[in-house]
Amino acid sequence: MTITAALVLYSITWFMTLFCVLPYRTVSQDEAKDIVPGTPPGAPAGDVMRRKAWITTLIATPIWAVIAGVILSGWISIADLDWFGRMHH
């Protein structure tokens, strides 16, 4: 795995984890009864992105390490994922 591939894998893992983390424990402006003019009532109340980014990093890093370990070990290869026999062994 090249450095570029590792960075791409990490960024994909990080953003997919972020999309899973975002809805948890988020209080909307409507729930907080503090709607800022010009924003939708469902927008988050307060600054939550810094905390969500740290939580995402703490969750995504071990997930990335496991995926990278599997790829680097060769335990699962691209040929193993060729279910339709399109690649020549």
PDB file of N, CA and C in Angstrom:
ATOM      1  N   MET A   1       0.854  -1.165   0.000  1.00  0.00           N
ATOM      2  CA  MET A   1       0.000   0.000   0.000  1.00  0.00           C
ATOM      3  C   MET A   1       0.903   1.232   0.000  1.00  0.00           C
ATOM      4  N   THR A   2       0.636   2.131  -0.916  1.00  0.00           N
ATOM      5  CA  THR A   2       1.417   3.366  -0.975  1.00  0.00           C
ATOM      6  C   THR A   2       0.918   4.360   0.073  1.00  0.00           C
ATOM      7  N   ILE A   3       1.696   5.406   0.280  1.00  0.00           N
ATOM      8  CA  ILE A   3       1.292   6.444   1.236  1.00  0.00           C
ATOM      9  C   ILE A   3       0.008   7.120   0.769  1.00  0.00           C
ATOM     10  N   THR A   4      -0.092   7.339  -0.521  1.00  0.00           N
ATOM     11  CA  THR A   4      -1.306   7.962  -1.064  1.00  0.00           C
ATOM     12  C   THR A   4      -2.525   7.076  -0.830  1.00  0.00           C
ATOM     13  N   ALA A   5      -2.367   5.784  -1.057  1.00  0.00           N
ATOM     14  CA  ALA A   5      -3.488   4.859  -0.833  1.00  0.00           C
ATOM     15  C   ALA A   5      -3.877   4.834   0.646  1.00  0.00           C
ATOM     16  N   ALA A   6      -2.882   4.879   1.533  1.00  0.00           N
ATOM     17  CA  ALA A   6      -3.172   4.891   2.973  1.00  0.00           C
ATOM     18  C   ALA A   6      -3.924   6.164   3.359  1.00  0.00           C
ATOM     19  N   LEU A   7      -3.525   7.305   2.799  1.00  0.00           N
ATOM     20  CA  LEU A   7      -4.210   8.568   3.092  1.00  0.00           C
ATOM     21  C   LEU A   7      -5.635   8.579   2.544  1.00  0.00           C
ATOM     22  N   VAL A   8      -5.813   8.046   1.352  1.00  0.00           N
ATOM     23  CA  VAL A   8      -7.158   7.972   0.770  1.00  0.00           C
ATOM     24  C   VAL A   8      -8.033   7.046   1.608  1.00  0.00           C
ATOM     25  N   LEU A   9      -7.492   5.900   2.008  1.00  0.00           N
ATOM     26  CA  LEU A   9      -8.244   4.971   2.849  1.00  0.00           C
ATOM     27  C   LEU A   9      -8.613   5.623   4.178  1.00  0.00           C
ATOM     28  N   TYR A  10      -7.677   6.367   4.768  1.00  0.00           N
ATOM     29  CA  TYR A  10      -7.967   7.031   6.040  1.00  0.00           C
ATOM     30  C   TYR A  10      -9.042   8.102   5.869  1.00  0.00           C
ATOM     31  N   SER A  11      -8.943   8.887   4.801  1.00  0.00           N
ATOM     32  CA  SER A  11      -9.933   9.954   4.619  1.00  0.00           C
ATOM     33  C   SER A  11     -11.326   9.379   4.371  1.00  0.00           C
ATOM     34  N   ILE A  12     -11.409   8.294   3.613  1.00  0.00           N
ATOM     35  CA  ILE A  12     -12.715   7.663   3.390  1.00  0.00           C
ATOM     36  C   ILE A  12     -13.262   7.109   4.701  1.00  0.00           C
ATOM     37  N   THR A  13     -12.403   6.449   5.467  1.00  0.00           N
ATOM     38  CA  THR A  13     -12.814   5.900   6.759  1.00  0.00           C
ATOM     39  C   THR A  13     -13.239   7.015   7.699  1.00  0.00           C
ATOM     40  N   TRP A  14     -12.484   8.108   7.713  1.00  0.00           N
ATOM     41  CA  TRP A  14     -12.780   9.226   8.617  1.00  0.00           C
ATOM     42  C   TRP A  14     -14.129   9.856   8.283  1.00  0.00           C
ATOM     43  N   PHE A  15     -14.365  10.137   7.005  1.00  0.00           N
ATOM     44  CA  PHE A  15     -15.619  10.796   6.635  1.00  0.00           C
ATOM     45  C   PHE A  15     -16.825   9.872   6.803  1.00  0.00           C
ATOM     46  N   MET A  16     -16.670   8.588   6.529  1.00  0.00           N
ATOM     47  CA  MET A  16     -17.799   7.672   6.764  1.00  0.00           C
ATOM     48  C   MET A  16     -18.107   7.579   8.254  1.00  0.00           C
ATOM     49  N   THR A  17     -17.071   7.601   9.081  1.00  0.00           N
ATOM     50  CA  THR A  17     -17.277   7.606  10.531  1.00  0.00           C
ATOM     51  C   THR A  17     -17.924   8.915  10.975  1.00  0.00           C
ATOM     52  N   LEU A  18     -17.499  10.035  10.396  1.00  0.00           N
ATOM     53  CA  LEU A  18     -18.094  11.337  10.726  1.00  0.00           C
ATOM     54  C   LEU A  18     -19.590  11.334  10.446  1.00  0.00           C
ATOM     55  N   PHE A  19     -19.990  10.783   9.304  1.00  0.00           N
ATOM     56  CA  PHE A  19     -21.414  10.767   8.971  1.00  0.00           C
ATOM     57  C   PHE A  19     -22.209   9.887   9.937  1.00  0.00           C
ATOM     58  N   CYS A  20     -21.549   8.904  10.532  1.00  0.00           N
ATOM     59  CA  CYS A  20     -22.221   8.080  11.551  1.00  0.00           C
ATOM     60  C   CYS A  20     -22.258   8.784  12.900  1.00  0.00           C
ATOM     61  N   VAL A  21     -21.242   9.591  13.208  1.00  0.00           N
ATOM     62  CA  VAL A  21     -21.135  10.252  14.513  1.00  0.00           C
ATOM     63  C   VAL A  21     -22.006  11.516  14.584  1.00  0.00           C
ATOM     64  N   LEU A  22     -22.177  12.204  13.480  1.00  0.00           N
ATOM     65  CA  LEU A  22     -22.876  13.500  13.489  1.00  0.00           C
ATOM     66  C   LEU A  22     -24.248  13.501  14.162  1.00  0.00           C
ATOM     67  N   PRO A  23     -25.120  12.537  13.903  1.00  0.00           N
ATOM     68  CA  PRO A  23     -26.461  12.651  14.496  1.00  0.00           C
ATOM     69  C   PRO A  23     -26.538  12.350  15.994  1.00  0.00           C
ATOM     70  N   TYR A  24     -25.525  11.728  16.580  1.00  0.00           N
ATOM     71  CA  TYR A  24     -25.613  11.326  17.983  1.00  0.00           C
ATOM     72  C   TYR A  24     -25.404  12.500  18.927  1.00  0.00           C
ATOM     73  N   ARG A  25     -26.300  12.620  19.888  1.00  0.00           N
ATOM     74  CA  ARG A  25     -26.248  13.615  20.951  1.00  0.00           C
ATOM     75  C   ARG A  25     -26.151  15.045  20.415  1.00  0.00           C
ATOM     76  N   THR A  26     -26.805  15.284  19.291  1.00  0.00           N
ATOM     77  CA  THR A  26     -26.851  16.626  18.727  1.00  0.00           C
ATOM     78  C   THR A  26     -28.185  17.265  19.093  1.00  0.00           C
ATOM     79  N   VAL A  27     -28.117  18.439  19.697  1.00  0.00           N
ATOM     80  CA  VAL A  27     -29.316  19.177  20.087  1.00  0.00           C
ATOM     81  C   VAL A  27     -29.594  20.208  19.005  1.00  0.00           C
ATOM     82  N   SER A  28     -30.800  20.187  18.460  1.00  0.00           N
ATOM     83  CA  SER A  28     -31.151  21.155  17.426  1.00  0.00           C
ATOM     84  C   SER A  28     -31.500  22.505  18.058  1.00  0.00           C
ATOM     85  N   GLN A  29     -31.502  23.536  17.224  1.00  0.00           N
ATOM     86  CA  GLN A  29     -31.870  24.868  17.708  1.00  0.00           C
ATOM     87  C   GLN A  29     -33.320  24.886  18.182  1.00  0.00           C
ATOM     88  N   ASP A  30     -34.163  24.101  17.526  1.00  0.00           N
ATOM     89  CA  ASP A  30     -35.564  24.029  17.932  1.00  0.00           C
ATOM     90  C   ASP A  30     -35.696  23.415  19.326  1.00  0.00           C
ATOM     91  N   GLU A  31     -34.927  22.357  19.595  1.00  0.00           N
ATOM     92  CA  GLU A  31     -34.960  21.720  20.910  1.00  0.00           C
ATOM     93  C   GLU A  31     -34.386  22.624  21.992  1.00  0.00           C
ATOM     94  N   ALA A  32     -33.379  23.432  21.616  1.00  0.00           N
ATOM     95  CA  ALA A  32     -32.751  24.342  22.579  1.00  0.00           C
ATOM     96  C   ALA A  32     -33.546  25.643  22.729  1.00  0.00           C
ATOM     97  N   LYS A  33     -34.580  25.817  21.916  1.00  0.00           N
ATOM     98  CA  LYS A  33     -35.415  27.030  21.925  1.00  0.00           C
ATOM     99  C   LYS A  33     -34.578  28.300  21.684  1.00  0.00           C
ATOM    100  N   ASP A  34     -33.587  28.168  20.781  1.00  0.00           N
ATOM    101  CA  ASP A  34     -32.718  29.298  20.443  1.00  0.00           C
ATOM    102  C   ASP A  34     -32.440  29.250  18.946  1.00  0.00           C
ATOM    103  N   ILE A  35     -33.420  29.661  18.150  1.00  0.00           N
ATOM    104  CA  ILE A  35     -33.299  29.604  16.697  1.00  0.00           C
ATOM    105  C   ILE A  35     -32.662  30.904  16.200  1.00  0.00           C
ATOM    106  N   VAL A  36     -31.521  30.762  15.546  1.00  0.00           N
ATOM    107  CA  VAL A  36     -30.811  31.908  14.981  1.00  0.00           C
ATOM    108  C   VAL A  36     -31.515  32.300  13.680  1.00  0.00           C
ATOM    109  N   PRO A  37     -31.845  33.577  13.495  1.00  0.00           N
ATOM    110  CA  PRO A  37     -32.532  33.992  12.264  1.00  0.00           C
ATOM    111  C   PRO A  37     -31.711  33.633  11.021  1.00  0.00           C
ATOM    112  N   GLY A  38     -32.400  33.086  10.028  1.00  0.00           N
ATOM    113  CA  GLY A  38     -31.752  32.717   8.779  1.00  0.00           C
ATOM    114  C   GLY A  38     -31.256  31.281   8.745  1.00  0.00           C
ATOM    115  N   THR A  39     -31.454  30.534   9.826  1.00  0.00           N
ATOM    116  CA  THR A  39     -31.050  29.126   9.861  1.00  0.00           C
ATOM    117  C   THR A  39     -32.280  28.256  10.070  1.00  0.00           C
ATOM    118  N   PRO A  40     -32.213  27.012   9.608  1.00  0.00           N
ATOM    119  CA  PRO A  40     -33.364  26.129   9.830  1.00  0.00           C
ATOM    120  C   PRO A  40     -33.446  25.703  11.291  1.00  0.00           C
ATOM    121  N   PRO A  41     -34.624  25.427  11.778  1.00  0.00           N
ATOM    122  CA  PRO A  41     -34.777  25.020  13.182  1.00  0.00           C
ATOM    123  C   PRO A  41     -34.055  23.717  13.515  1.00  0.00           C
ATOM    124  N   GLY A  42     -33.803  22.875  12.521  1.00  0.00           N
ATOM    125  CA  GLY A  42     -33.129  21.609  12.760  1.00  0.00           C
ATOM    126  C   GLY A  42     -31.616  21.706  12.803  1.00  0.00           C
ATOM    127  N   ALA A  43     -31.082  22.921  12.600  1.00  0.00           N
ATOM    128  CA  ALA A  43     -29.631  23.097  12.642  1.00  0.00           C
ATOM    129  C   ALA A  43     -29.123  22.890  14.070  1.00  0.00           C
ATOM    130  N   PRO A  44     -27.880  22.398  14.217  1.00  0.00           N
ATOM    131  CA  PRO A  44     -27.353  22.163  15.566  1.00  0.00           C
ATOM    132  C   PRO A  44     -27.238  23.453  16.372  1.00  0.00           C
ATOM    133  N   ALA A  45     -27.517  23.347  17.646  1.00  0.00           N
ATOM    134  CA  ALA A  45     -27.366  24.492  18.548  1.00  0.00           C
ATOM    135  C   ALA A  45     -25.953  24.445  19.124  1.00  0.00           C
ATOM    136  N   GLY A  46     -25.236  25.508  18.995  1.00  0.00           N
ATOM    137  CA  GLY A  46     -23.888  25.574  19.544  1.00  0.00           C
ATOM    138  C   GLY A  46     -22.853  25.015  18.586  1.00  0.00           C
ATOM    139  N   ASP A  47     -21.602  25.097  19.021  1.00  0.00           N
ATOM    140  CA  ASP A  47     -20.476  24.647  18.222  1.00  0.00           C
ATOM    141  C   ASP A  47     -20.160  23.197  18.600  1.00  0.00           C
ATOM    142  N   VAL A  48     -20.534  22.266  17.722  1.00  0.00           N
ATOM    143  CA  VAL A  48     -20.337  20.853  18.030  1.00  0.00           C
ATOM    144  C   VAL A  48     -19.309  20.179  17.127  1.00  0.00           C
ATOM    145  N   MET A  49     -18.868  20.857  16.085  1.00  0.00           N
ATOM    146  CA  MET A  49     -18.007  20.202  15.099  1.00  0.00           C
ATOM    147  C   MET A  49     -16.627  19.845  15.646  1.00  0.00           C
ATOM    148  N   ARG A  50     -16.049  20.660  16.489  1.00  0.00           N
ATOM    149  CA  ARG A  50     -14.717  20.345  17.028  1.00  0.00           C
ATOM    150  C   ARG A  50     -14.780  19.050  17.847  1.00  0.00           C
ATOM    151  N   ARG A  51     -15.783  18.940  18.703  1.00  0.00           N
ATOM    152  CA  ARG A  51     -15.941  17.737  19.521  1.00  0.00           C
ATOM    153  C   ARG A  51     -16.246  16.523  18.642  1.00  0.00           C
ATOM    154  N   LYS A  52     -17.105  16.692  17.639  1.00  0.00           N
ATOM    155  CA  LYS A  52     -17.441  15.588  16.736  1.00  0.00           C
ATOM    156  C   LYS A  52     -16.220  15.154  15.924  1.00  0.00           C
ATOM    157  N   ALA A  53     -15.365  16.101  15.542  1.00  0.00           N
ATOM    158  CA  ALA A  53     -14.157  15.760  14.789  1.00  0.00           C
ATOM    159  C   ALA A  53     -13.198  14.941  15.645  1.00  0.00           C
ATOM    160  N   TRP A  54     -13.051  15.289  16.914  1.00  0.00           N
ATOM    161  CA  TRP A  54     -12.184  14.520  17.809  1.00  0.00           C
ATOM    162  C   TRP A  54     -12.739  13.122  18.043  1.00  0.00           C
ATOM    163  N   ILE A  55     -14.022  13.014  18.266  1.00  0.00           N
ATOM    164  CA  ILE A  55     -14.645  11.704  18.459  1.00  0.00           C
ATOM    165  C   ILE A  55     -14.491  10.860  17.202  1.00  0.00           C
ATOM    166  N   THR A  56     -14.691  11.484  16.051  1.00  0.00           N
ATOM    167  CA  THR A  56     -14.537  10.782  14.781  1.00  0.00           C
ATOM    168  C   THR A  56     -13.115  10.270  14.615  1.00  0.00           C
ATOM    169  N   THR A  57     -12.136  11.088  14.948  1.00  0.00           N
ATOM    170  CA  THR A  57     -10.741  10.679  14.827  1.00  0.00           C
ATOM    171  C   THR A  57     -10.426   9.508  15.750  1.00  0.00           C
ATOM    172  N   LEU A  58     -10.946   9.558  16.971  1.00  0.00           N
ATOM    173  CA  LEU A  58     -10.697   8.473  17.924  1.00  0.00           C
ATOM    174  C   LEU A  58     -11.333   7.158  17.493  1.00  0.00           C
ATOM    175  N   ILE A  59     -12.437   7.218  16.782  1.00  0.00           N
ATOM    176  CA  ILE A  59     -13.105   6.005  16.313  1.00  0.00           C
ATOM    177  C   ILE A  59     -12.524   5.541  14.977  1.00  0.00           C
ATOM    178  N   ALA A  60     -12.247   6.475  14.065  1.00  0.00           N
ATOM    179  CA  ALA A  60     -11.816   6.122  12.712  1.00  0.00           C
ATOM    180  C   ALA A  60     -10.394   5.572  12.662  1.00  0.00           C
ATOM    181  N   THR A  61      -9.520   6.024  13.553  1.00  0.00           N
ATOM    182  CA  THR A  61      -8.121   5.592  13.492  1.00  0.00           C
ATOM    183  C   THR A  61      -7.973   4.088  13.727  1.00  0.00           C
ATOM    184  N   PRO A  62      -8.576   3.503  14.776  1.00  0.00           N
ATOM    185  CA  PRO A  62      -8.441   2.044  14.903  1.00  0.00           C
ATOM    186  C   PRO A  62      -9.141   1.262  13.790  1.00  0.00           C
ATOM    187  N   ILE A  63     -10.241   1.788  13.283  1.00  0.00           N
ATOM    188  CA  ILE A  63     -10.912   1.121  12.162  1.00  0.00           C
ATOM    189  C   ILE A  63     -10.000   1.107  10.951  1.00  0.00           C
ATOM    190  N   TRP A  64      -9.357   2.243  10.677  1.00  0.00           N
ATOM    191  CA  TRP A  64      -8.412   2.343   9.569  1.00  0.00           C
ATOM    192  C   TRP A  64      -7.233   1.397   9.773  1.00  0.00           C
ATOM    193  N   ALA A  65      -6.729   1.298  10.994  1.00  0.00           N
ATOM    194  CA  ALA A  65      -5.590   0.426  11.273  1.00  0.00           C
ATOM    195  C   ALA A  65      -5.939  -1.035  10.993  1.00  0.00           C
ATOM    196  N   VAL A  66      -7.140  -1.450  11.358  1.00  0.00           N
ATOM    197  CA  VAL A  66      -7.560  -2.830  11.094  1.00  0.00           C
ATOM    198  C   VAL A  66      -7.677  -3.067   9.592  1.00  0.00           C
ATOM    199  N   ILE A  67      -8.313  -2.141   8.877  1.00  0.00           N
ATOM    200  CA  ILE A  67      -8.474  -2.303   7.429  1.00  0.00           C
ATOM    201  C   ILE A  67      -7.114  -2.308   6.744  1.00  0.00           C
ATOM    202  N   ALA A  68      -6.236  -1.382   7.120  1.00  0.00           N
ATOM    203  CA  ALA A  68      -4.895  -1.326   6.525  1.00  0.00           C
ATOM    204  C   ALA A  68      -4.111  -2.594   6.856  1.00  0.00           C
ATOM    205  N   GLY A  69      -4.258  -3.106   8.073  1.00  0.00           N
ATOM    206  CA  GLY A  69      -3.579  -4.336   8.445  1.00  0.00           C
ATOM    207  C   GLY A  69      -4.025  -5.521   7.608  1.00  0.00           C
ATOM    208  N   VAL A  70      -5.319  -5.607   7.364  1.00  0.00           N
ATOM    209  CA  VAL A  70      -5.846  -6.690   6.524  1.00  0.00           C
ATOM    210  C   VAL A  70      -5.306  -6.563   5.104  1.00  0.00           C
ATOM    211  N   ILE A  71      -5.274  -5.355   4.579  1.00  0.00           N
ATOM    212  CA  ILE A  71      -4.776  -5.148   3.219  1.00  0.00           C
ATOM    213  C   ILE A  71      -3.286  -5.471   3.142  1.00  0.00           C
ATOM    214  N   LEU A  72      -2.504  -4.977   4.087  1.00  0.00           N
ATOM    215  CA  LEU A  72      -1.061  -5.190   4.055  1.00  0.00           C
ATOM    216  C   LEU A  72      -0.677  -6.644   4.321  1.00  0.00           C
ATOM    217  N   SER A  73      -1.453  -7.350   5.113  1.00  0.00           N
ATOM    218  CA  SER A  73      -1.132  -8.743   5.408  1.00  0.00           C
ATOM    219  C   SER A  73      -1.435  -9.660   4.232  1.00  0.00           C
ATOM    220  N   GLY A  74      -2.285  -9.225   3.330  1.00  0.00           N
ATOM    221  CA  GLY A  74      -2.661 -10.057   2.201  1.00  0.00           C
ATOM    222  C   GLY A  74      -3.713 -11.095   2.555  1.00  0.00           C
ATOM    223  N   TRP A  75      -4.298 -10.980   3.731  1.00  0.00           N
ATOM    224  CA  TRP A  75      -5.312 -11.929   4.175  1.00  0.00           C
ATOM    225  C   TRP A  75      -6.503 -11.931   3.219  1.00  0.00           C
ATOM    226  N   ILE A  76      -6.900 -10.740   2.766  1.00  0.00           N
ATOM    227  CA  ILE A  76      -7.932 -10.604   1.747  1.00  0.00           C
ATOM    228  C   ILE A  76      -7.316  -9.802   0.608  1.00  0.00           C
ATOM    229  N   SER A  77      -7.382 -10.335  -0.594  1.00  0.00           N
ATOM    230  CA  SER A  77      -6.817  -9.638  -1.748  1.00  0.00           C
ATOM    231  C   SER A  77      -7.936  -9.290  -2.726  1.00  0.00           C
ATOM    232  N   ILE A  78      -7.577  -8.568  -3.763  1.00  0.00           N
ATOM    233  CA  ILE A  78      -8.554  -8.207  -4.796  1.00  0.00           C
ATOM    234  C   ILE A  78      -9.079  -9.473  -5.482  1.00  0.00           C
ATOM    235  N   ALA A  79      -8.204 -10.461  -5.660  1.00  0.00           N
ATOM    236  CA  ALA A  79      -8.624 -11.707  -6.308  1.00  0.00           C
ATOM    237  C   ALA A  79      -9.681 -12.435  -5.472  1.00  0.00           C
ATOM    238  N   ASP A  80      -9.639 -12.279  -4.155  1.00  0.00           N
ATOM    239  CA  ASP A  80     -10.655 -12.896  -3.298  1.00  0.00           C
ATOM    240  C   ASP A  80     -12.024 -12.241  -3.480  1.00  0.00           C
ATOM    241  N   LEU A  81     -12.036 -11.023  -3.934  1.00  0.00           N
ATOM    242  CA  LEU A  81     -13.287 -10.290  -4.126  1.00  0.00           C
ATOM    243  C   LEU A  81     -13.838 -10.435  -5.548  1.00  0.00           C
ATOM    244  N   ASP A  82     -13.166 -11.221  -6.385  1.00  0.00           N
ATOM    245  CA  ASP A  82     -13.592 -11.436  -7.767  1.00  0.00           C
ATOM    246  C   ASP A  82     -14.642 -12.545  -7.802  1.00  0.00           C
ATOM    247  N   TRP A  83     -15.882 -12.198  -7.477  1.00  0.00           N
ATOM    248  CA  TRP A  83     -16.952 -13.177  -7.384  1.00  0.00           C
ATOM    249  C   TRP A  83     -17.442 -13.667  -8.746  1.00  0.00           C
ATOM    250  N   PHE A  84     -17.223 -12.889  -9.781  1.00  0.00           N
ATOM    251  CA  PHE A  84     -17.729 -13.249 -11.090  1.00  0.00           C
ATOM    252  C   PHE A  84     -16.656 -13.821 -12.013  1.00  0.00           C
ATOM    253  N   GLY A  85     -15.452 -14.027 -11.514  1.00  0.00           N
ATOM    254  CA  GLY A  85     -14.381 -14.650 -12.294  1.00  0.00           C
ATOM    255  C   GLY A  85     -13.882 -13.801 -13.435  1.00  0.00           C
ATOM    256  N   ARG A  86     -13.883 -12.502 -13.298  1.00  0.00           N
ATOM    257  CA  ARG A  86     -13.456 -11.611 -14.363  1.00  0.00           C
ATOM    258  C   ARG A  86     -11.947 -11.367 -14.365  1.00  0.00           C
ATOM    259  N   MET A  87     -11.299 -11.638 -13.234  1.00  0.00           N
ATOM    260  CA  MET A  87      -9.843 -11.456 -13.169  1.00  0.00           C
ATOM    261  C   MET A  87      -9.179 -12.811 -13.406  1.00  0.00           C
ATOM    262  N   HIS A  88      -8.065 -12.760 -14.084  1.00  0.00           N
ATOM    263  CA  HIS A  88      -7.322 -14.000 -14.346  1.00  0.00           C
ATOM    264  C   HIS A  88      -6.305 -14.187 -13.244  1.00  0.00           C
ATOM    265  N   HIS A  89      -6.266 -15.359 -12.669  1.00  0.00           N
ATOM    266  CA  HIS A  89      -5.353 -15.630 -11.540  1.00  0.00           C
ATOM    267  C   HIS A  89      -3.983 -15.951 -12.053  1.00  0.00           C
TER     268      HIS A  89
END
